[in-house]
Amino acid sequence: MPAPSDSDSHTPDPDRGSSGSRASGIRGKVESASTPLLTAMARMPALVPFLIMFAVLLTGAFLGGVIGAILLLIPIAFLGWLLYLTWPHLRQPERLLRLAVLLLVIGIATTQIIPR
């Protein structure tokens, strides 16, 4: 049986770290551009980014209106960015859970823009 080539490698390899990533195109550019911010976040205590996003999320949810929806765009963009970066390394249940959280925040932002 012939050895698979790099071009045949379209399935994610969970054991491959970011340093061994063979991403190209848009994904490679996003990963490269994200490296400085991810490095800075890795130096912080794990609770700090969570608390910042949680505070922005709660503030946006309780403020309401257009200002609240704009504030909610910050955690939406952040969660979407992290989901995009981690997608190839996640299993199906992890993908579904993270996608559900992102959709929940999008739903909250939508209700802020379009009230009952």
C-alpha atoms as a PDB file:
ATOM      1  CA  MET A   1       0.000   0.000   0.000  1.00  0.00           C
ATOM      2  CA  PRO A   2       1.495   3.401  -0.960  1.00  0.00           C
ATOM      3  CA  ALA A   3       2.205   5.958   1.724  1.00  0.00           C
ATOM      4  CA  PRO A   4      -0.253   8.864   1.792  1.00  0.00           C
ATOM      5  CA  SER A   5       1.069  12.101   0.380  1.00  0.00           C
ATOM      6  CA  ASP A   6       0.631  15.531   1.923  1.00  0.00           C
ATOM      7  CA  SER A   7      -2.055  16.357  -0.622  1.00  0.00           C
ATOM      8  CA  ASP A   8      -4.073  13.305   0.508  1.00  0.00           C
ATOM      9  CA  SER A   9      -4.038  14.546   4.087  1.00  0.00           C
ATOM     10  CA  HIS A  10      -7.443  16.212   4.325  1.00  0.00           C
ATOM     11  CA  THR A  11      -8.461  14.592   7.592  1.00  0.00           C
ATOM     12  CA  PRO A  12      -7.501  16.306  10.849  1.00  0.00           C
ATOM     13  CA  ASP A  13      -4.668  14.831  12.847  1.00  0.00           C
ATOM     14  CA  PRO A  14      -5.399  15.448  16.542  1.00  0.00           C
ATOM     15  CA  ASP A  15      -1.817  14.578  17.511  1.00  0.00           C
ATOM     16  CA  ARG A  16      -0.359  17.253  15.272  1.00  0.00           C
ATOM     17  CA  GLY A  17       0.309  20.437  17.219  1.00  0.00           C
ATOM     18  CA  SER A  18       0.221  23.950  15.825  1.00  0.00           C
ATOM     19  CA  SER A  19       3.966  23.841  15.152  1.00  0.00           C
ATOM     20  CA  GLY A  20       3.476  20.809  12.900  1.00  0.00           C
ATOM     21  CA  SER A  21       0.516  22.299  11.127  1.00  0.00           C
ATOM     22  CA  ARG A  22       0.479  22.075   7.371  1.00  0.00           C
ATOM     23  CA  ALA A  23      -2.260  24.636   6.903  1.00  0.00           C
ATOM     24  CA  SER A  24      -2.106  26.729   3.786  1.00  0.00           C
ATOM     25  CA  GLY A  25      -4.183  29.375   2.137  1.00  0.00           C
ATOM     26  CA  ILE A  26      -6.576  31.366   4.285  1.00  0.00           C
ATOM     27  CA  ARG A  27      -6.280  29.016   7.282  1.00  0.00           C
ATOM     28  CA  GLY A  28      -2.499  29.340   7.265  1.00  0.00           C
ATOM     29  CA  LYS A  29      -2.722  33.130   7.085  1.00  0.00           C
ATOM     30  CA  VAL A  30      -5.257  33.266   9.937  1.00  0.00           C
ATOM     31  CA  GLU A  31      -3.137  30.930  12.058  1.00  0.00           C
ATOM     32  CA  SER A  32      -0.008  33.008  11.418  1.00  0.00           C
ATOM     33  CA  ALA A  33      -1.782  36.263  12.206  1.00  0.00           C
ATOM     34  CA  SER A  34      -3.293  34.724  15.357  1.00  0.00           C
ATOM     35  CA  THR A  35      -0.018  33.483  16.805  1.00  0.00           C
ATOM     36  CA  PRO A  36       0.962  36.710  18.654  1.00  0.00           C
ATOM     37  CA  LEU A  37      -2.457  37.069  20.313  1.00  0.00           C
ATOM     38  CA  LEU A  38      -2.638  33.379  21.191  1.00  0.00           C
ATOM     39  CA  THR A  39       0.864  33.563  22.676  1.00  0.00           C
ATOM     40  CA  ALA A  40      -0.119  36.568  24.788  1.00  0.00           C
ATOM     41  CA  MET A  41      -3.294  34.795  25.932  1.00  0.00           C
ATOM     42  CA  ALA A  42      -1.295  31.679  26.840  1.00  0.00           C
ATOM     43  CA  ARG A  43       0.826  33.777  29.199  1.00  0.00           C
ATOM     44  CA  MET A  44      -2.258  34.971  31.089  1.00  0.00           C
ATOM     45  CA  PRO A  45      -3.946  32.942  33.803  1.00  0.00           C
ATOM     46  CA  ALA A  46      -6.647  30.858  32.109  1.00  0.00           C
ATOM     47  CA  LEU A  47      -9.390  32.644  34.000  1.00  0.00           C
ATOM     48  CA  VAL A  48      -8.523  36.141  32.692  1.00  0.00           C
ATOM     49  CA  PRO A  49      -9.689  35.806  29.033  1.00  0.00           C
ATOM     50  CA  PHE A  50     -12.787  33.941  30.226  1.00  0.00           C
ATOM     51  CA  LEU A  51     -13.697  36.655  32.743  1.00  0.00           C
ATOM     52  CA  ILE A  52     -13.136  39.427  30.206  1.00  0.00           C
ATOM     53  CA  MET A  53     -15.384  37.770  27.610  1.00  0.00           C
ATOM     54  CA  PHE A  54     -17.968  36.897  30.253  1.00  0.00           C
ATOM     55  CA  ALA A  55     -18.076  40.509  31.463  1.00  0.00           C
ATOM     56  CA  VAL A  56     -18.479  41.848  27.912  1.00  0.00           C
ATOM     57  CA  LEU A  57     -21.170  39.228  27.211  1.00  0.00           C
ATOM     58  CA  LEU A  58     -23.158  40.087  30.346  1.00  0.00           C
ATOM     59  CA  THR A  59     -22.794  43.822  29.774  1.00  0.00           C
ATOM     60  CA  GLY A  60     -24.035  43.497  26.205  1.00  0.00           C
ATOM     61  CA  ALA A  61     -26.905  41.236  27.223  1.00  0.00           C
ATOM     62  CA  PHE A  62     -28.103  43.527  30.012  1.00  0.00           C
ATOM     63  CA  LEU A  63     -27.593  46.828  28.189  1.00  0.00           C
ATOM     64  CA  GLY A  64     -29.853  45.800  25.351  1.00  0.00           C
ATOM     65  CA  GLY A  65     -30.559  47.669  22.173  1.00  0.00           C
ATOM     66  CA  VAL A  66     -28.045  48.388  19.482  1.00  0.00           C
ATOM     67  CA  ILE A  67     -25.231  49.167  21.948  1.00  0.00           C
ATOM     68  CA  GLY A  68     -25.746  45.805  23.653  1.00  0.00           C
ATOM     69  CA  ALA A  69     -25.757  44.029  20.296  1.00  0.00           C
ATOM     70  CA  ILE A  70     -22.528  45.776  19.290  1.00  0.00           C
ATOM     71  CA  LEU A  71     -20.921  44.714  22.579  1.00  0.00           C
ATOM     72  CA  LEU A  72     -22.068  41.150  21.901  1.00  0.00           C
ATOM     73  CA  LEU A  73     -20.217  41.198  18.582  1.00  0.00           C
ATOM     74  CA  ILE A  74     -16.950  41.077  20.542  1.00  0.00           C
ATOM     75  CA  PRO A  75     -17.577  37.634  22.126  1.00  0.00           C
ATOM     76  CA  ILE A  76     -19.176  36.421  18.876  1.00  0.00           C
ATOM     77  CA  ALA A  77     -16.046  37.325  16.918  1.00  0.00           C
ATOM     78  CA  PHE A  78     -13.785  35.909  19.637  1.00  0.00           C
ATOM     79  CA  LEU A  79     -15.675  32.604  19.881  1.00  0.00           C
ATOM     80  CA  GLY A  80     -15.914  32.314  16.099  1.00  0.00           C
ATOM     81  CA  TRP A  81     -12.187  32.939  15.760  1.00  0.00           C
ATOM     82  CA  LEU A  82     -11.316  30.311  18.370  1.00  0.00           C
ATOM     83  CA  LEU A  83     -13.743  27.836  16.822  1.00  0.00           C
ATOM     84  CA  TYR A  84     -12.185  28.379  13.390  1.00  0.00           C
ATOM     85  CA  LEU A  85      -8.681  27.839  14.747  1.00  0.00           C
ATOM     86  CA  THR A  86      -9.521  24.722  16.751  1.00  0.00           C
ATOM     87  CA  TRP A  87     -12.007  23.099  14.330  1.00  0.00           C
ATOM     88  CA  PRO A  88      -9.539  20.641  12.695  1.00  0.00           C
ATOM     89  CA  HIS A  89      -8.394  19.412  16.116  1.00  0.00           C
ATOM     90  CA  LEU A  90     -11.844  18.870  17.654  1.00  0.00           C
ATOM     91  CA  ARG A  91     -13.966  15.740  17.686  1.00  0.00           C
ATOM     92  CA  GLN A  92     -17.612  15.897  16.605  1.00  0.00           C
ATOM     93  CA  PRO A  93     -19.156  16.380  20.103  1.00  0.00           C
ATOM     94  CA  GLU A  94     -16.700  19.178  20.891  1.00  0.00           C
ATOM     95  CA  ARG A  95     -17.493  20.879  17.590  1.00  0.00           C
ATOM     96  CA  LEU A  96     -21.224  20.680  18.220  1.00  0.00           C
ATOM     97  CA  LEU A  97     -20.960  22.061  21.750  1.00  0.00           C
ATOM     98  CA  ARG A  98     -18.758  24.985  20.743  1.00  0.00           C
ATOM     99  CA  LEU A  99     -20.976  25.730  17.748  1.00  0.00           C
ATOM    100  CA  ALA A 100     -24.025  25.666  20.037  1.00  0.00           C
ATOM    101  CA  VAL A 101     -22.411  28.216  22.379  1.00  0.00           C
ATOM    102  CA  LEU A 102     -21.590  30.472  19.419  1.00  0.00           C
ATOM    103  CA  LEU A 103     -25.154  30.195  18.103  1.00  0.00           C
ATOM    104  CA  LEU A 104     -26.518  30.971  21.576  1.00  0.00           C
ATOM    105  CA  VAL A 105     -24.544  34.218  21.741  1.00  0.00           C
ATOM    106  CA  ILE A 106     -25.659  35.084  18.188  1.00  0.00           C
ATOM    107  CA  GLY A 107     -29.244  34.460  19.305  1.00  0.00           C
ATOM    108  CA  ILE A 108     -28.826  36.785  22.291  1.00  0.00           C
ATOM    109  CA  ALA A 109     -27.382  39.493  20.009  1.00  0.00           C
ATOM    110  CA  THR A 110     -30.269  39.040  17.577  1.00  0.00           C
ATOM    111  CA  THR A 111     -32.837  39.522  20.340  1.00  0.00           C
ATOM    112  CA  GLN A 112     -31.022  42.716  21.345  1.00  0.00           C
ATOM    113  CA  ILE A 113     -31.317  44.118  17.821  1.00  0.00           C
ATOM    114  CA  ILE A 114     -34.847  42.848  17.110  1.00  0.00           C
ATOM    115  CA  PRO A 115     -36.826  43.118  20.340  1.00  0.00           C
ATOM    116  CA  ARG A 116     -40.203  41.442  20.781  1.00  0.00           C
END
